[in-house]
Each structure stands twice: as C-alpha cells, then as structure tokens.
C-alpha cells in the first residue's frame, strides 16, 4: 500500500491541471457595461395561451364540491 496523499501534493496536482487549461478567458478585468436599453427585446411577442382555456375553474370547483 502506498502512503496517503498529502494536502501539498493535491494542491500541486490541481495547479498543474489549471496550467493545462490556459485556453480559458481572462477574468481579471470586467467587460464594458451594457446599457439597459440594449438589453430589451425588439421582437413583438404574443401573450401565452390561457392555461384554463377561458373557463372559470374556481367557480367549477365550488359547484362541484358544494353539494348542489
């Protein structure tokens, strides 16, 4: 049986793994700010379909379970 890995060994192996992944973007500086006007959509959107299909489900529930 080999001896257990020490914390220093694991930290060194992680650092070597990071060195190989050098194709990651540089996040040391932030990108330029984006104006809120530029974040809005310019597409026309339609309202979604009515999930109840135009029915009054609350009244239906009341009539179904009220005992009439």
PDB file of N, CA and C in Angstrom:
ATOM      1  N   UNK A   1       0.828  -1.196   0.000  1.00  0.00           N
ATOM      2  CA  UNK A   1       0.000   0.000   0.000  1.00  0.00           C
ATOM      3  C   UNK A   1       0.865   1.250   0.000  1.00  0.00           C
ATOM      4  N   UNK A   2       0.511   2.208  -0.814  1.00  0.00           N
ATOM      5  CA  UNK A   2       1.266   3.452  -0.850  1.00  0.00           C
ATOM      6  C   UNK A   2       0.865   4.361   0.291  1.00  0.00           C
ATOM      7  N   UNK A   3       1.677   5.333   0.537  1.00  0.00           N
ATOM      8  CA  UNK A   3       1.322   6.254   1.612  1.00  0.00           C
ATOM      9  C   UNK A   3       0.260   7.239   1.130  1.00  0.00           C
ATOM     10  N   UNK A   4      -0.573   7.756   2.040  1.00  0.00           N
ATOM     11  CA  UNK A   4      -1.666   8.656   1.637  1.00  0.00           C
ATOM     12  C   UNK A   4      -1.125   9.965   1.077  1.00  0.00           C
ATOM     13  N   UNK A   5      -1.886  10.545   0.162  1.00  0.00           N
ATOM     14  CA  UNK A   5      -1.502  11.823  -0.450  1.00  0.00           C
ATOM     15  C   UNK A   5      -1.652  12.946   0.566  1.00  0.00           C
ATOM     16  N   UNK A   6      -0.691  13.807   0.574  1.00  0.00           N
ATOM     17  CA  UNK A   6      -0.746  14.950   1.488  1.00  0.00           C
ATOM     18  C   UNK A   6      -1.447  16.114   0.810  1.00  0.00           C
ATOM     19  N   UNK A   7      -1.841  17.076   1.620  1.00  0.00           N
ATOM     20  CA  UNK A   7      -2.544  18.251   1.097  1.00  0.00           C
ATOM     21  C   UNK A   7      -1.677  18.989   0.077  1.00  0.00           C
ATOM     22  N   UNK A   8      -0.385  19.103   0.338  1.00  0.00           N
ATOM     23  CA  UNK A   8       0.506  19.813  -0.585  1.00  0.00           C
ATOM     24  C   UNK A   8       0.550  19.133  -1.946  1.00  0.00           C
ATOM     25  N   UNK A   9       0.554  17.789  -1.959  1.00  0.00           N
ATOM     26  CA  UNK A   9       0.599  17.060  -3.222  1.00  0.00           C
ATOM     27  C   UNK A   9      -0.663  17.307  -4.033  1.00  0.00           C
ATOM     28  N   UNK A  10      -1.803  17.325  -3.355  1.00  0.00           N
ATOM     29  CA  UNK A  10      -3.053  17.556  -4.071  1.00  0.00           C
ATOM     30  C   UNK A  10      -3.113  18.974  -4.635  1.00  0.00           C
ATOM     31  N   UNK A  11      -2.632  19.954  -3.866  1.00  0.00           N
ATOM     32  CA  UNK A  11      -2.635  21.342  -4.330  1.00  0.00           C
ATOM     33  C   UNK A  11      -1.725  21.495  -5.552  1.00  0.00           C
ATOM     34  N   UNK A  12      -0.592  20.823  -5.552  1.00  0.00           N
ATOM     35  CA  UNK A  12       0.329  20.912  -6.688  1.00  0.00           C
ATOM     36  C   UNK A  12      -0.290  20.283  -7.933  1.00  0.00           C
ATOM     37  N   UNK A  13      -0.972  19.145  -7.759  1.00  0.00           N
ATOM     38  CA  UNK A  13      -1.575  18.497  -8.923  1.00  0.00           C
ATOM     39  C   UNK A  13      -2.713  19.350  -9.480  1.00  0.00           C
ATOM     40  N   UNK A  14      -3.471  20.034  -8.609  1.00  0.00           N
ATOM     41  CA  UNK A  14      -4.531  20.923  -9.096  1.00  0.00           C
ATOM     42  C   UNK A  14      -3.936  22.093  -9.862  1.00  0.00           C
ATOM     43  N   UNK A  15      -2.821  22.635  -9.375  1.00  0.00           N
ATOM     44  CA  UNK A  15      -2.183  23.765 -10.051  1.00  0.00           C
ATOM     45  C   UNK A  15      -1.677  23.338 -11.424  1.00  0.00           C
ATOM     46  N   UNK A  16      -1.149  22.119 -11.542  1.00  0.00           N
ATOM     47  CA  UNK A  16      -0.701  21.625 -12.846  1.00  0.00           C
ATOM     48  C   UNK A  16      -1.887  21.473 -13.790  1.00  0.00           C
ATOM     49  N   UNK A  17      -3.036  21.036 -13.278  1.00  0.00           N
ATOM     50  CA  UNK A  17      -4.230  20.894 -14.098  1.00  0.00           C
ATOM     51  C   UNK A  17      -4.720  22.232 -14.611  1.00  0.00           C
ATOM     52  N   UNK A  18      -4.608  23.252 -13.792  1.00  0.00           N
ATOM     53  CA  UNK A  18      -5.033  24.588 -14.213  1.00  0.00           C
ATOM     54  C   UNK A  18      -4.099  25.149 -15.268  1.00  0.00           C
ATOM     55  N   UNK A  19      -2.819  24.819 -15.185  1.00  0.00           N
ATOM     56  CA  UNK A  19      -1.867  25.332 -16.160  1.00  0.00           C
ATOM     57  C   UNK A  19      -2.179  24.781 -17.545  1.00  0.00           C
ATOM     58  N   UNK A  20      -2.680  23.545 -17.635  1.00  0.00           N
ATOM     59  CA  UNK A  20      -3.028  22.965 -18.920  1.00  0.00           C
ATOM     60  C   UNK A  20      -4.285  23.613 -19.503  1.00  0.00           C
ATOM     61  N   UNK A  21      -5.182  24.128 -18.667  1.00  0.00           N
ATOM     62  CA  UNK A  21      -6.415  24.744 -19.145  1.00  0.00           C
ATOM     63  C   UNK A  21      -6.243  26.218 -19.408  1.00  0.00           C
ATOM     64  N   UNK A  22      -5.164  26.605 -20.060  1.00  0.00           N
ATOM     65  CA  UNK A  22      -4.881  28.022 -20.272  1.00  0.00           C
ATOM     66  C   UNK A  22      -5.739  28.634 -21.373  1.00  0.00           C
ATOM     67  N   UNK A  23      -6.598  27.843 -22.008  1.00  0.00           N
ATOM     68  CA  UNK A  23      -7.448  28.395 -23.056  1.00  0.00           C
ATOM     69  C   UNK A  23      -8.689  29.069 -22.471  1.00  0.00           C
ATOM     70  N   UNK A  24      -8.782  29.196 -21.154  1.00  0.00           N
ATOM     71  CA  UNK A  24      -9.907  29.875 -20.519  1.00  0.00           C
ATOM     72  C   UNK A  24      -9.779  31.388 -20.689  1.00  0.00           C
ATOM     73  N   UNK A  25     -10.896  32.124 -20.714  1.00  0.00           N
ATOM     74  CA  UNK A  25     -10.815  33.590 -20.857  1.00  0.00           C
ATOM     75  C   UNK A  25     -10.214  34.237 -19.616  1.00  0.00           C
ATOM     76  N   UNK A  26      -9.700  35.427 -19.798  1.00  0.00           N
ATOM     77  CA  UNK A  26      -9.076  36.180 -18.708  1.00  0.00           C
ATOM     78  C   UNK A  26     -10.153  36.989 -17.998  1.00  0.00           C
ATOM     79  N   UNK A  27     -10.423  36.676 -16.722  1.00  0.00           N
ATOM     80  CA  UNK A  27     -11.452  37.370 -15.960  1.00  0.00           C
ATOM     81  C   UNK A  27     -10.863  38.347 -14.943  1.00  0.00           C
ATOM     82  N   UNK A  28      -9.666  38.824 -15.175  1.00  0.00           N
ATOM     83  CA  UNK A  28      -9.072  39.760 -14.223  1.00  0.00           C
ATOM     84  C   UNK A  28      -9.667  41.154 -14.357  1.00  0.00           C
ATOM     85  N   UNK A  29     -10.233  41.484 -15.531  1.00  0.00           N
ATOM     86  CA  UNK A  29     -10.904  42.777 -15.701  1.00  0.00           C
ATOM     87  C   UNK A  29     -12.324  42.522 -16.186  1.00  0.00           C
ATOM     88  N   UNK A  30     -13.212  43.401 -15.810  1.00  0.00           N
ATOM     89  CA  UNK A  30     -14.601  43.267 -16.204  1.00  0.00           C
ATOM     90  C   UNK A  30     -14.824  43.820 -17.606  1.00  0.00           C
ATOM     91  N   UNK A  31     -15.780  43.274 -18.339  1.00  0.00           N
ATOM     92  CA  UNK A  31     -16.089  43.840 -19.652  1.00  0.00           C
ATOM     93  C   UNK A  31     -16.802  45.183 -19.499  1.00  0.00           C
ATOM     94  N   UNK A  32     -16.961  45.884 -20.597  1.00  0.00           N
ATOM     95  CA  UNK A  32     -17.633  47.192 -20.557  1.00  0.00           C
ATOM     96  C   UNK A  32     -19.099  47.008 -20.167  1.00  0.00           C
ATOM     97  N   UNK A  33     -19.650  48.009 -19.476  1.00  0.00           N
ATOM     98  CA  UNK A  33     -21.055  47.936 -19.048  1.00  0.00           C
ATOM     99  C   UNK A  33     -21.989  47.995 -20.244  1.00  0.00           C
ATOM    100  N   UNK A  34     -23.122  47.332 -20.119  1.00  0.00           N
ATOM    101  CA  UNK A  34     -24.131  47.332 -21.164  1.00  0.00           C
ATOM    102  C   UNK A  34     -25.298  48.184 -20.680  1.00  0.00           C
ATOM    103  N   UNK A  35     -25.750  49.097 -21.521  1.00  0.00           N
ATOM    104  CA  UNK A  35     -26.862  49.969 -21.158  1.00  0.00           C
ATOM    105  C   UNK A  35     -28.154  49.152 -21.081  1.00  0.00           C
ATOM    106  N   UNK A  36     -29.047  49.468 -20.124  1.00  0.00           N
ATOM    107  CA  UNK A  36     -30.307  48.722 -20.011  1.00  0.00           C
ATOM    108  C   UNK A  36     -31.166  48.788 -21.273  1.00  0.00           C
ATOM    109  N   UNK A  37     -31.065  49.877 -22.036  1.00  0.00           N
ATOM    110  CA  UNK A  37     -31.842  49.975 -23.270  1.00  0.00           C
ATOM    111  C   UNK A  37     -31.418  48.903 -24.263  1.00  0.00           C
ATOM    112  N   UNK A  38     -30.174  48.505 -24.219  1.00  0.00           N
ATOM    113  CA  UNK A  38     -29.673  47.492 -25.139  1.00  0.00           C
ATOM    114  C   UNK A  38     -30.089  46.083 -24.732  1.00  0.00           C
ATOM    115  N   UNK A  39     -30.593  45.910 -23.521  1.00  0.00           N
ATOM    116  CA  UNK A  39     -30.966  44.596 -23.034  1.00  0.00           C
ATOM    117  C   UNK A  39     -32.400  44.224 -23.386  1.00  0.00           C
ATOM    118  N   UNK A  40     -33.190  45.177 -23.799  1.00  0.00           N
ATOM    119  CA  UNK A  40     -34.601  44.914 -24.088  1.00  0.00           C
ATOM    120  C   UNK A  40     -34.757  44.233 -25.436  1.00  0.00           C
ATOM    121  N   UNK A  41     -35.779  43.430 -25.542  1.00  0.00           N
ATOM    122  CA  UNK A  41     -36.039  42.737 -26.801  1.00  0.00           C
ATOM    123  C   UNK A  41     -36.714  43.669 -27.791  1.00  0.00           C
ATOM    124  N   UNK A  42     -36.467  43.435 -29.043  1.00  0.00           N
ATOM    125  CA  UNK A  42     -37.108  44.244 -30.075  1.00  0.00           C
ATOM    126  C   UNK A  42     -38.134  43.427 -30.832  1.00  0.00           C
ATOM    127  N   UNK A  43     -38.385  42.195 -30.398  1.00  0.00           N
ATOM    128  CA  UNK A  43     -39.359  41.345 -31.068  1.00  0.00           C
ATOM    129  C   UNK A  43     -40.744  41.587 -30.502  1.00  0.00           C
ATOM    130  N   UNK A  44     -41.748  41.468 -31.381  1.00  0.00           N
ATOM    131  CA  UNK A  44     -43.126  41.506 -30.919  1.00  0.00           C
ATOM    132  C   UNK A  44     -43.451  40.143 -30.320  1.00  0.00           C
ATOM    133  N   UNK A  45     -44.039  40.152 -29.159  1.00  0.00           N
ATOM    134  CA  UNK A  45     -44.363  38.886 -28.502  1.00  0.00           C
ATOM    135  C   UNK A  45     -45.868  38.785 -28.320  1.00  0.00           C
ATOM    136  N   UNK A  46     -46.381  37.583 -28.428  1.00  0.00           N
ATOM    137  CA  UNK A  46     -47.795  37.310 -28.207  1.00  0.00           C
ATOM    138  C   UNK A  46     -47.963  36.789 -26.787  1.00  0.00           C
ATOM    139  N   UNK A  47     -49.080  37.120 -26.149  1.00  0.00           N
ATOM    140  CA  UNK A  47     -49.298  36.545 -24.822  1.00  0.00           C
ATOM    141  C   UNK A  47     -49.452  35.031 -24.937  1.00  0.00           C
ATOM    142  N   UNK A  48     -49.044  34.327 -23.903  1.00  0.00           N
ATOM    143  CA  UNK A  48     -49.141  32.877 -23.911  1.00  0.00           C
ATOM    144  C   UNK A  48     -50.588  32.419 -23.878  1.00  0.00           C
ATOM    145  N   UNK A  49     -50.818  31.154 -24.189  1.00  0.00           N
ATOM    146  CA  UNK A  49     -52.195  30.649 -24.171  1.00  0.00           C
ATOM    147  C   UNK A  49     -52.741  30.633 -22.746  1.00  0.00           C
ATOM    148  N   UNK A  50     -54.047  30.798 -22.635  1.00  0.00           N
ATOM    149  CA  UNK A  50     -54.705  30.778 -21.332  1.00  0.00           C
ATOM    150  C   UNK A  50     -54.641  29.355 -20.780  1.00  0.00           C
ATOM    151  N   UNK A  51     -53.998  29.143 -19.636  1.00  0.00           N
ATOM    152  CA  UNK A  51     -53.868  27.777 -19.132  1.00  0.00           C
ATOM    153  C   UNK A  51     -55.203  27.165 -18.725  1.00  0.00           C
ATOM    154  N   UNK A  52     -56.192  27.989 -18.449  1.00  0.00           N
ATOM    155  CA  UNK A  52     -57.510  27.466 -18.049  1.00  0.00           C
ATOM    156  C   UNK A  52     -58.465  27.356 -19.219  1.00  0.00           C
ATOM    157  N   UNK A  53     -58.029  27.775 -20.384  1.00  0.00           N
ATOM    158  CA  UNK A  53     -58.871  27.669 -21.570  1.00  0.00           C
ATOM    159  C   UNK A  53     -60.086  28.567 -21.526  1.00  0.00           C
ATOM    160  N   UNK A  54     -60.066  29.676 -20.791  1.00  0.00           N
ATOM    161  CA  UNK A  54     -61.194  30.588 -20.706  1.00  0.00           C
ATOM    162  C   UNK A  54     -62.248  30.155 -19.702  1.00  0.00           C
ATOM    163  N   UNK A  55     -62.040  29.039 -19.042  1.00  0.00           N
ATOM    164  CA  UNK A  55     -63.026  28.545 -18.071  1.00  0.00           C
ATOM    165  C   UNK A  55     -62.746  29.139 -16.699  1.00  0.00           C
ATOM    166  N   UNK A  56     -63.782  29.280 -15.889  1.00  0.00           N
ATOM    167  CA  UNK A  56     -63.650  29.757 -14.516  1.00  0.00           C
ATOM    168  C   UNK A  56     -63.511  28.535 -13.611  1.00  0.00           C
ATOM    169  N   UNK A  57     -62.281  28.100 -13.404  1.00  0.00           N
ATOM    170  CA  UNK A  57     -62.053  26.862 -12.661  1.00  0.00           C
ATOM    171  C   UNK A  57     -62.416  26.992 -11.187  1.00  0.00           C
ATOM    172  N   UNK A  58     -62.336  28.189 -10.641  1.00  0.00           N
ATOM    173  CA  UNK A  58     -62.696  28.370  -9.224  1.00  0.00           C
ATOM    174  C   UNK A  58     -64.195  28.131  -9.021  1.00  0.00           C
ATOM    175  N   UNK A  59     -65.011  28.699  -9.914  1.00  0.00           N
ATOM    176  CA  UNK A  59     -66.470  28.504  -9.806  1.00  0.00           C
ATOM    177  C   UNK A  59     -66.833  27.043 -10.067  1.00  0.00           C
ATOM    178  N   UNK A  60     -66.187  26.400 -11.013  1.00  0.00           N
ATOM    179  CA  UNK A  60     -66.441  24.984 -11.283  1.00  0.00           C
ATOM    180  C   UNK A  60     -66.113  24.129 -10.065  1.00  0.00           C
ATOM    181  N   UNK A  61     -65.000  24.423  -9.418  1.00  0.00           N
ATOM    182  CA  UNK A  61     -64.597  23.674  -8.231  1.00  0.00           C
ATOM    183  C   UNK A  61     -65.657  23.857  -7.118  1.00  0.00           C
ATOM    184  N   UNK A  62     -66.101  25.091  -6.933  1.00  0.00           N
ATOM    185  CA  UNK A  62     -67.091  25.387  -5.908  1.00  0.00           C
ATOM    186  C   UNK A  62     -68.390  24.625  -6.177  1.00  0.00           C
ATOM    187  N   UNK A  63     -68.859  24.669  -7.405  1.00  0.00           N
ATOM    188  CA  UNK A  63     -70.108  23.984  -7.741  1.00  0.00           C
ATOM    189  C   UNK A  63     -69.960  22.464  -7.650  1.00  0.00           C
ATOM    190  N   UNK A  64     -68.815  21.941  -8.007  1.00  0.00           N
ATOM    191  CA  UNK A  64     -68.612  20.501  -7.986  1.00  0.00           C
ATOM    192  C   UNK A  64     -68.594  19.972  -6.548  1.00  0.00           C
ATOM    193  N   UNK A  65     -68.002  20.727  -5.628  1.00  0.00           N
ATOM    194  CA  UNK A  65     -67.797  20.234  -4.263  1.00  0.00           C
ATOM    195  C   UNK A  65     -68.715  20.875  -3.234  1.00  0.00           C
ATOM    196  N   UNK A  66     -69.635  21.736  -3.653  1.00  0.00           N
ATOM    197  CA  UNK A  66     -70.530  22.400  -2.704  1.00  0.00           C
ATOM    198  C   UNK A  66     -71.719  21.521  -2.325  1.00  0.00           C
ATOM    199  N   UNK A  67     -71.999  20.484  -3.098  1.00  0.00           N
ATOM    200  CA  UNK A  67     -73.090  19.587  -2.771  1.00  0.00           C
ATOM    201  C   UNK A  67     -74.422  20.014  -3.369  1.00  0.00           C
ATOM    202  N   UNK A  68     -74.394  20.838  -4.394  1.00  0.00           N
ATOM    203  CA  UNK A  68     -75.642  21.230  -5.034  1.00  0.00           C
ATOM    204  C   UNK A  68     -76.138  20.138  -5.931  1.00  0.00           C
TER     205      UNK A  68
END
